[in-house]
Amino acid sequence: MKKIKGFKGFNKGLKCRDFQYEENTEYEISDDPKLCNKGFHFCENPLDILDYYNICDSEFAEVEAIGKTKSNNQKSVTNKIKIGFKIDLKSFIKASFDFIWEKCKITDEESKLASSGYSSQLASTGHSSQLASSGHSSQLASSGDYSQLASSGYSSQLASTGDSSQLASSGHSSKLASSGHYSKLASTGHSSQLALTGSDSVGANIGIRGKIKASKGCWITLAEYGCNNKILCVKSAKVTNGKIKADTWYRLINGKFTEVK
């Protein structure tokens, strides 16, 4: 039986639908798997997990389907799965880039574009497009809905205007911006900037000296670091125009969301 590698999202503590998982452990059910109904669900494309789990308060792990498996164009389910080790957000972004990189063979409406050269420029107007870059100072832009952008190079710029888009960057000094609704942005690079103007979007900047701003109704997450780049705390908040104002840059300082320029 063919083994399929993928990724799985969990609530904190490696729980999924009240079922407790453990790292490096196999699980099996006797019944045949059924999508959205029975079995162990996972995604081959890491970014697809973000349609089911909030990047701000979820955990992720590499998995391997070792039983009967059924799939659609976004997720899969199996009756026997091996849970690997948890991966952090930086590894999650790298896995997202690697997946898109390997799939860069289709054009047209569901286009997949990738570049490893420095100062590369990638743009797509088709829906469900996937763009990836590993070179420094790259620029990625998408206007189609459900697009996925991933970059691992320094000083990269990612921008999306489509709804339900997903942007991720692990390079330092990167800039991510989204105006589409229900978008998800994540960055782990130092001194990165995230800006969300669409409604009901989620942004997480856990890089050193990272900052973020968002429109009302969005959720934002920041991290603060101390000596030797040791993480001190990670906090999330909803933009309500109360304590957290809309369209205002914030950085986490002394454990508090602090306005910055």
Protein backbone atom coordinates (compact mmCIF):
# COMPACT_ATOMS: atom_id res chain seq x y z
CA MET A 1 0.00 0.00 0.00
CA LYS A 2 1.38 3.38 -1.03
CA LYS A 3 2.49 5.63 1.80
CA ILE A 4 1.60 9.31 1.52
CA LYS A 5 3.46 12.01 3.40
CA GLY A 6 1.66 15.12 4.54
CA PHE A 7 1.00 17.53 7.39
CA LYS A 8 -1.65 17.72 10.08
CA GLY A 9 -2.94 20.59 12.20
CA PHE A 10 -3.93 20.35 15.86
CA ASN A 11 -5.25 22.46 18.65
CA LYS A 12 -2.75 23.21 21.41
CA GLY A 13 -1.49 20.05 23.05
CA LEU A 14 -1.73 17.97 19.85
CA LYS A 15 -5.50 17.57 20.13
CA CYS A 16 -7.82 17.27 17.15
CA ARG A 17 -11.59 16.99 17.66
CA ASP A 18 -10.98 16.09 21.32
CA PHE A 19 -8.72 13.19 20.32
CA GLN A 20 -5.30 13.24 21.97
CA TYR A 21 -2.35 12.53 19.67
CA GLU A 22 1.31 12.00 20.51
CA GLU A 23 4.45 12.52 18.50
CA ASN A 24 6.08 9.58 16.71
CA THR A 25 3.01 7.37 17.26
CA GLU A 26 0.75 5.33 14.94
CA TYR A 27 -3.05 5.33 15.06
CA GLU A 28 -5.51 3.06 13.27
CA ILE A 29 -9.26 2.43 12.90
CA SER A 30 -10.78 -0.75 11.47
CA ASP A 31 -13.32 1.02 9.21
CA ASP A 32 -12.63 2.43 5.77
CA PRO A 33 -11.82 6.15 5.81
CA LYS A 34 -14.42 8.70 4.70
CA LEU A 35 -13.68 12.34 4.03
CA CYS A 36 -15.14 14.74 6.61
CA ASN A 37 -16.65 11.81 8.46
CA LYS A 38 -14.33 9.02 9.57
CA GLY A 39 -10.59 8.56 9.82
CA PHE A 40 -7.48 10.66 10.31
CA HIS A 41 -7.40 13.80 8.18
CA PHE A 42 -4.31 15.56 6.86
CA CYS A 43 -3.14 17.76 3.98
CA GLU A 44 -0.35 17.18 1.51
CA ASN A 45 0.02 20.95 0.99
CA PRO A 46 0.87 22.54 4.37
CA LEU A 47 -0.88 25.80 3.47
CA ASP A 48 -4.19 23.96 3.02
CA ILE A 49 -4.18 23.30 6.78
CA LEU A 50 -4.78 27.00 7.37
CA ASP A 51 -8.31 26.61 6.00
CA TYR A 52 -9.08 24.52 9.07
CA TYR A 53 -6.69 25.74 11.76
CA ASN A 54 -5.85 29.25 12.90
CA ILE A 55 -2.14 29.81 12.46
CA CYS A 56 -2.02 31.88 15.65
CA ASP A 57 -2.98 29.15 18.11
CA SER A 58 -2.45 25.80 16.39
CA GLU A 59 0.26 23.17 16.26
CA PHE A 60 1.52 21.27 13.22
CA ALA A 61 3.24 17.96 12.60
CA GLU A 62 4.55 15.93 9.72
CA VAL A 63 2.52 12.77 9.18
CA GLU A 64 2.47 9.70 6.98
CA ALA A 65 -0.63 7.87 5.79
CA ILE A 66 0.15 4.16 5.93
CA GLY A 67 -3.34 2.73 5.40
CA LYS A 68 -6.23 3.18 2.98
CA THR A 69 -6.43 6.79 1.87
CA LYS A 70 -9.03 8.95 0.14
CA SER A 71 -8.39 12.49 -1.09
CA ASN A 72 -9.98 15.48 -2.75
CA ASN A 73 -8.14 18.50 -4.12
CA GLN A 74 -7.42 19.91 -0.67
CA LYS A 75 -7.32 17.26 2.04
CA SER A 76 -6.96 13.53 2.60
CA VAL A 77 -8.15 10.96 5.12
CA THR A 78 -6.68 7.61 6.07
CA ASN A 79 -7.58 4.77 8.43
CA LYS A 80 -3.96 4.43 9.60
CA ILE A 81 -1.60 7.30 10.22
CA LYS A 82 1.80 7.87 11.75
CA ILE A 83 2.22 11.20 13.56
CA GLY A 84 5.78 12.47 13.25
CA PHE A 85 7.35 15.26 15.24
CA LYS A 86 5.88 18.72 15.75
CA ILE A 87 7.28 21.46 13.54
CA ASP A 88 7.58 25.14 14.41
CA LEU A 89 6.23 27.96 12.24
CA LYS A 90 9.54 28.49 10.44
CA SER A 91 9.63 24.82 9.47
CA PHE A 92 5.97 25.01 8.47
CA ILE A 93 6.72 27.89 6.10
CA LYS A 94 9.73 26.07 4.65
CA ALA A 95 7.60 22.97 4.09
CA SER A 96 5.00 25.16 2.34
CA PHE A 97 7.67 26.59 0.05
CA ASP A 98 9.14 23.16 -0.70
CA PHE A 99 5.71 21.74 -1.57
CA ILE A 100 4.87 24.59 -3.96
CA TRP A 101 8.35 24.42 -5.48
CA GLU A 102 7.88 20.76 -6.38
CA LYS A 103 4.47 21.42 -7.93
CA CYS A 104 5.48 24.28 -10.27
CA LYS A 105 4.43 22.64 -13.51
CA ILE A 106 0.88 23.95 -14.11
CA THR A 107 -0.07 27.28 -15.63
CA ASP A 108 -3.40 28.90 -16.56
CA GLU A 109 -6.05 29.51 -13.88
CA GLU A 110 -4.49 27.29 -11.23
CA SER A 111 -0.96 28.48 -11.90
CA LYS A 112 2.07 27.53 -9.85
CA LEU A 113 5.16 29.74 -10.12
CA ALA A 114 8.51 29.45 -8.38
CA SER A 115 11.89 31.11 -8.41
CA SER A 116 15.18 30.56 -6.59
CA GLY A 117 17.05 33.55 -8.04
CA TYR A 118 17.65 36.82 -6.22
CA SER A 119 15.44 39.84 -6.96
CA SER A 120 12.89 37.65 -8.72
CA GLN A 121 9.42 38.94 -9.54
CA LEU A 122 6.40 36.63 -9.67
CA ALA A 123 2.84 37.72 -10.36
CA SER A 124 -0.45 35.95 -10.96
CA THR A 125 -4.02 37.05 -11.61
CA GLY A 126 -5.57 33.57 -11.71
CA HIS A 127 -7.54 32.12 -8.81
CA SER A 128 -5.99 29.38 -6.64
CA SER A 129 -2.51 30.36 -7.80
CA GLN A 130 0.60 29.28 -5.91
CA LEU A 131 3.77 31.41 -5.91
CA ALA A 132 7.03 30.56 -4.17
CA SER A 133 10.47 32.12 -3.98
CA SER A 134 13.67 31.30 -2.10
CA GLY A 135 15.80 34.15 -3.46
CA HIS A 136 16.49 37.36 -1.54
CA SER A 137 14.70 40.63 -2.45
CA SER A 138 12.02 38.76 -4.35
CA GLN A 139 8.59 40.21 -5.08
CA LEU A 140 5.42 38.10 -5.20
CA ALA A 141 2.00 39.47 -6.06
CA SER A 142 -1.40 37.88 -6.61
CA SER A 143 -4.86 39.26 -7.28
CA GLY A 144 -6.79 36.00 -7.53
CA ASP A 145 -8.83 34.49 -4.71
CA TYR A 146 -7.49 31.49 -2.72
CA SER A 147 -3.92 32.23 -3.75
CA GLN A 148 -0.93 30.93 -1.78
CA LEU A 149 2.37 32.83 -1.56
CA ALA A 150 5.49 31.62 0.23
CA SER A 151 8.96 33.11 0.46
CA SER A 152 12.11 32.11 2.34
CA GLY A 153 14.46 34.84 1.05
CA TYR A 154 15.47 38.00 2.91
CA SER A 155 13.88 41.39 2.13
CA SER A 156 11.10 39.78 0.11
CA GLN A 157 7.79 41.49 -0.57
CA LEU A 158 4.50 39.58 -0.75
CA ALA A 159 1.17 41.16 -1.65
CA SER A 160 -2.29 39.79 -2.31
CA THR A 161 -5.66 41.40 -3.08
CA GLY A 162 -7.72 38.22 -3.45
CA ASP A 163 -9.99 36.85 -0.73
CA SER A 164 -8.97 33.82 1.34
CA SER A 165 -5.32 34.16 0.33
CA GLN A 166 -2.45 32.73 2.37
CA LEU A 167 0.95 34.46 2.64
CA ALA A 168 3.97 33.11 4.51
CA SER A 169 7.55 34.30 4.83
CA SER A 170 10.57 33.16 6.85
CA GLY A 171 13.13 35.64 5.52
CA HIS A 172 14.35 38.66 7.49
CA SER A 173 13.10 42.19 6.70
CA SER A 174 10.22 40.87 4.61
CA LYS A 175 7.01 42.78 3.97
CA LEU A 176 3.63 41.08 3.64
CA ALA A 177 0.40 42.84 2.73
CA SER A 178 -3.12 41.63 2.04
CA SER A 179 -6.33 43.49 1.25
CA GLY A 180 -8.53 40.44 0.68
CA HIS A 181 -11.02 39.17 3.24
CA TYR A 182 -10.39 35.99 5.29
CA SER A 183 -6.67 36.06 4.49
CA LYS A 184 -3.94 34.44 6.60
CA LEU A 185 -0.41 35.91 6.91
CA ALA A 186 2.56 34.52 8.80
CA SER A 187 6.17 35.60 9.20
CA THR A 188 9.13 34.37 11.26
CA GLY A 189 11.88 36.56 9.86
CA HIS A 190 13.53 39.35 11.85
CA SER A 191 12.20 42.92 11.41
CA SER A 192 9.36 41.78 9.17
CA GLN A 193 6.20 43.81 8.59
CA LEU A 194 2.66 42.47 8.09
CA ALA A 195 -0.30 44.57 7.05
CA LEU A 196 -3.90 43.33 6.74
CA THR A 197 -6.73 45.49 5.43
CA GLY A 198 -9.30 42.80 4.64
CA SER A 199 -11.94 41.82 7.18
CA ASP A 200 -11.81 38.69 9.36
CA SER A 201 -8.16 38.02 8.48
CA VAL A 202 -5.44 36.54 10.68
CA GLY A 203 -1.83 37.70 10.88
CA ALA A 204 1.03 36.26 12.93
CA ASN A 205 4.46 37.88 13.07
CA ILE A 206 6.64 35.97 15.52
CA GLY A 207 9.96 37.23 14.19
CA ILE A 208 12.39 39.35 16.23
CA ARG A 209 11.43 43.06 16.08
CA GLY A 210 8.42 42.16 14.00
CA LYS A 211 5.47 44.50 13.69
CA ILE A 212 1.93 44.22 12.41
CA LYS A 213 -1.15 46.27 11.65
CA ALA A 214 -4.65 45.21 10.68
CA SER A 215 -8.18 46.42 10.09
CA LYS A 216 -10.97 46.11 12.62
CA GLY A 217 -12.14 42.54 13.25
CA CYS A 218 -8.80 40.91 12.39
CA TRP A 219 -6.68 38.89 14.81
CA ILE A 220 -2.99 39.69 15.24
CA THR A 221 -0.15 37.82 16.97
CA LEU A 222 3.30 39.10 17.97
CA ALA A 223 6.31 37.70 19.82
CA GLU A 224 8.84 39.39 22.10
CA TYR A 225 12.45 38.31 22.54
CA GLY A 226 15.07 38.95 25.22
CA CYS A 227 18.80 38.34 25.54
CA ASN A 228 20.33 35.84 23.12
CA ASN A 229 17.09 36.00 21.12
CA LYS A 230 15.31 33.95 23.75
CA ILE A 231 11.55 34.18 23.35
CA LEU A 232 9.83 35.88 26.27
CA CYS A 233 6.17 35.73 25.29
CA VAL A 234 3.72 35.42 22.41
CA LYS A 235 0.40 37.23 22.50
CA SER A 236 -2.68 37.45 20.31
CA ALA A 237 -5.38 40.11 20.23
CA LYS A 238 -8.38 41.14 18.21
CA VAL A 239 -8.44 44.56 16.58
CA THR A 240 -11.52 46.28 18.05
CA ASN A 241 -10.55 49.97 18.01
CA GLY A 242 -10.44 49.70 21.79
CA LYS A 243 -7.06 48.81 23.25
CA ILE A 244 -5.92 47.56 19.84
CA LYS A 245 -6.59 50.14 17.14
CA ALA A 246 -7.22 49.48 13.48
CA ASP A 247 -4.59 50.39 10.87
CA THR A 248 -1.97 51.02 13.56
CA TRP A 249 1.46 49.44 13.70
CA TYR A 250 2.15 47.38 16.83
CA ARG A 251 5.16 45.68 18.33
CA LEU A 252 5.23 43.60 21.50
CA ILE A 253 7.27 45.49 24.13
CA ASN A 254 7.45 44.48 27.81
CA GLY A 255 4.63 42.03 27.18
CA LYS A 256 2.25 44.68 25.84
CA PHE A 257 1.00 45.63 22.39
CA THR A 258 2.77 48.96 21.84
CA GLU A 259 2.13 51.46 19.05
CA VAL A 260 5.15 52.08 16.82
CA LYS A 261 5.81 53.95 13.60
